[in-house]
Amino acid sequence: MMTQTFRTHTPEETHEVGEEIGRQLQSGDVVALIGDLGVGKTCLTQGIARGVGLDPDQVVNSPSYILINEYAGRTPIYHIDLYRLQRLEEIVDLGLEEYLEGDGICVIEWADRMEKLLPENYIQIRMAGEDEFTRTIEVRAVGSR
């Protein structure tokens, strides 16, 4: 299992890390984002979307209230935010299988809430704030990918 760690000091640097990750993603990949509120998960997702080829004019927002946003890049991007869901049963009821097993790229914020439902192979990204500006981003491949 390979792990790579980045440190960023600005939202722009977090976007750049996300873009690099996005350029390496393939159809069917699942990205599990884990980290506290305000640590930059949506900021990183915006970068990932750019790296996957989403038009720079397309706005990428956190889908906290609607749970899932879909974007058309070179590969479809499914941005899922589980912040408002507390119980695994609520997540199961969403029926995310079609996204997780589809040919798009799934980026899941608060993915630790559905750890038991994640596929065998996925990319886990843990984010932590060291101070007001500095972020640590740990990227780890889980499974054989």
Protein backbone atom coordinates (compact mmCIF):
# COMPACT_ATOMS: atom_id res chain seq x y z
CA MET A 1 0.00 0.00 0.00
CA MET A 2 1.62 3.23 -1.15
CA THR A 3 1.09 6.44 0.82
CA GLN A 4 2.02 9.94 -0.31
CA THR A 5 1.80 13.00 1.95
CA PHE A 6 1.47 16.65 0.90
CA ARG A 7 1.48 19.85 2.94
CA THR A 8 -0.33 22.91 1.64
CA HIS A 9 -0.45 26.46 2.97
CA THR A 10 -3.11 28.06 0.74
CA PRO A 11 -6.36 26.99 -0.95
CA GLU A 12 -4.54 27.36 -4.28
CA GLU A 13 -1.92 24.81 -3.21
CA THR A 14 -4.70 22.45 -2.09
CA HIS A 15 -6.31 22.86 -5.54
CA GLU A 16 -2.98 22.01 -7.17
CA VAL A 17 -2.64 18.80 -5.14
CA GLY A 18 -6.23 17.93 -6.11
CA GLU A 19 -5.48 18.55 -9.79
CA GLU A 20 -2.48 16.22 -9.65
CA ILE A 21 -4.64 13.53 -8.04
CA GLY A 22 -7.40 14.10 -10.60
CA ARG A 23 -5.03 13.68 -13.54
CA GLN A 24 -4.17 10.19 -12.28
CA LEU A 25 -7.71 8.98 -11.69
CA GLN A 26 -9.42 6.52 -14.00
CA SER A 27 -12.99 5.64 -14.78
CA GLY A 28 -14.47 3.64 -11.89
CA ASP A 29 -12.16 5.08 -9.21
CA VAL A 30 -13.56 5.90 -5.78
CA VAL A 31 -11.91 8.62 -3.68
CA ALA A 32 -12.74 8.53 0.04
CA LEU A 33 -12.11 11.91 1.71
CA ILE A 34 -11.74 11.90 5.48
CA GLY A 35 -11.16 14.94 7.68
CA ASP A 36 -12.74 17.38 10.06
CA LEU A 37 -15.10 20.20 9.09
CA GLY A 38 -13.30 23.09 7.40
CA VAL A 39 -10.12 21.18 6.57
CA GLY A 40 -10.48 21.67 2.80
CA LYS A 41 -12.22 18.56 1.45
CA THR A 42 -14.35 20.55 -0.99
CA CYS A 43 -11.34 22.67 -1.99
CA LEU A 44 -9.40 19.49 -2.80
CA THR A 45 -12.42 18.12 -4.69
CA GLN A 46 -12.49 21.28 -6.84
CA GLY A 47 -8.87 20.58 -7.79
CA ILE A 48 -9.62 16.90 -8.48
CA ALA A 49 -12.46 17.94 -10.80
CA ARG A 50 -10.09 20.21 -12.76
CA GLY A 51 -7.55 17.40 -13.00
CA VAL A 52 -10.23 15.06 -14.35
CA GLY A 53 -10.97 17.62 -17.06
CA LEU A 54 -13.96 19.52 -15.76
CA ASP A 55 -14.33 22.89 -17.48
CA PRO A 56 -12.72 25.63 -15.32
CA ASP A 57 -15.96 27.66 -15.57
CA GLN A 58 -17.97 24.84 -13.98
CA VAL A 59 -18.62 25.57 -10.29
CA VAL A 60 -17.91 22.67 -7.92
CA ASN A 61 -19.83 23.10 -4.66
CA SER A 62 -20.23 20.89 -1.63
CA PRO A 63 -23.47 18.93 -2.02
CA SER A 64 -24.12 18.96 1.75
CA TYR A 65 -27.85 19.57 1.40
CA ILE A 66 -28.55 17.63 -1.78
CA LEU A 67 -25.98 14.88 -1.02
CA ILE A 68 -24.80 14.25 -4.62
CA ASN A 69 -23.63 16.54 -7.43
CA GLU A 70 -22.82 15.16 -10.87
CA TYR A 71 -20.31 16.83 -13.18
CA ALA A 72 -19.33 16.03 -16.77
CA GLY A 73 -15.55 15.94 -17.23
CA ARG A 74 -13.55 13.62 -19.51
CA THR A 75 -15.05 11.08 -17.11
CA PRO A 76 -18.24 11.81 -15.13
CA ILE A 77 -17.58 12.94 -11.55
CA TYR A 78 -19.97 12.08 -8.74
CA HIS A 79 -19.35 14.30 -5.71
CA ILE A 80 -21.04 12.82 -2.64
CA ASP A 81 -21.18 14.55 0.75
CA LEU A 82 -22.28 12.48 3.74
CA TYR A 83 -21.93 15.25 6.34
CA ARG A 84 -25.64 15.43 7.12
CA LEU A 85 -26.02 11.66 7.51
CA GLN A 86 -25.15 10.10 10.84
CA ARG A 87 -26.27 6.47 10.57
CA LEU A 88 -25.06 3.78 8.18
CA GLU A 89 -28.69 2.88 7.46
CA GLU A 90 -29.30 6.37 6.06
CA ILE A 91 -26.32 5.94 3.74
CA VAL A 92 -27.45 2.47 2.65
CA ASP A 93 -30.86 3.97 1.80
CA LEU A 94 -29.21 6.35 -0.68
CA GLY A 95 -28.43 3.43 -2.97
CA LEU A 96 -24.91 4.58 -3.85
CA GLU A 97 -24.01 1.29 -5.54
CA GLU A 98 -24.73 2.65 -9.02
CA TYR A 99 -22.21 5.43 -8.39
CA LEU A 100 -19.60 3.25 -6.65
CA GLU A 101 -19.78 0.56 -9.31
CA GLY A 102 -20.32 2.88 -12.29
CA ASP A 103 -17.88 4.14 -14.88
CA GLY A 104 -17.52 7.61 -13.38
CA ILE A 105 -15.23 8.82 -10.62
CA CYS A 106 -16.77 9.03 -7.12
CA VAL A 107 -15.41 11.58 -4.68
CA ILE A 108 -16.97 11.05 -1.24
CA GLU A 109 -16.64 13.60 1.56
CA TRP A 110 -17.01 12.18 5.10
CA ALA A 111 -16.35 8.72 3.62
CA ASP A 112 -15.46 7.32 7.06
CA ARG A 113 -19.22 7.27 7.70
CA MET A 114 -19.61 4.55 5.06
CA GLU A 115 -16.33 2.70 5.47
CA LYS A 116 -18.09 -0.70 5.48
CA LEU A 117 -19.70 0.10 2.13
CA LEU A 118 -16.56 1.20 0.29
CA PRO A 119 -15.35 -1.05 -2.52
CA GLU A 120 -12.33 -3.32 -2.17
CA ASN A 121 -10.16 -0.84 -4.12
CA TYR A 122 -10.29 2.89 -3.48
CA ILE A 123 -8.12 5.92 -2.82
CA GLN A 124 -8.26 7.15 0.77
CA ILE A 125 -7.35 10.79 1.40
CA ARG A 126 -7.01 11.92 5.00
CA MET A 127 -6.87 15.67 5.54
CA ALA A 128 -5.88 17.46 8.72
CA GLY A 129 -5.35 21.10 9.64
CA GLU A 130 -2.06 21.80 11.36
CA ASP A 131 -2.93 25.47 11.92
CA GLU A 132 -5.19 28.09 10.36
CA PHE A 133 -3.54 27.75 6.94
CA THR A 134 -1.45 24.56 6.79
CA ARG A 135 -3.05 21.30 5.70
CA THR A 136 -1.64 17.79 5.63
CA ILE A 137 -3.05 15.62 2.85
CA GLU A 138 -2.27 11.91 3.04
CA VAL A 139 -3.14 9.91 -0.08
CA ARG A 140 -3.20 6.12 0.18
CA ALA A 141 -4.27 3.43 -2.26
CA VAL A 142 -6.39 0.78 -0.57
CA GLY A 143 -6.54 -2.57 -2.36
CA SER A 144 -4.65 -3.56 -5.48
CA ARG A 145 -4.84 -0.28 -7.49
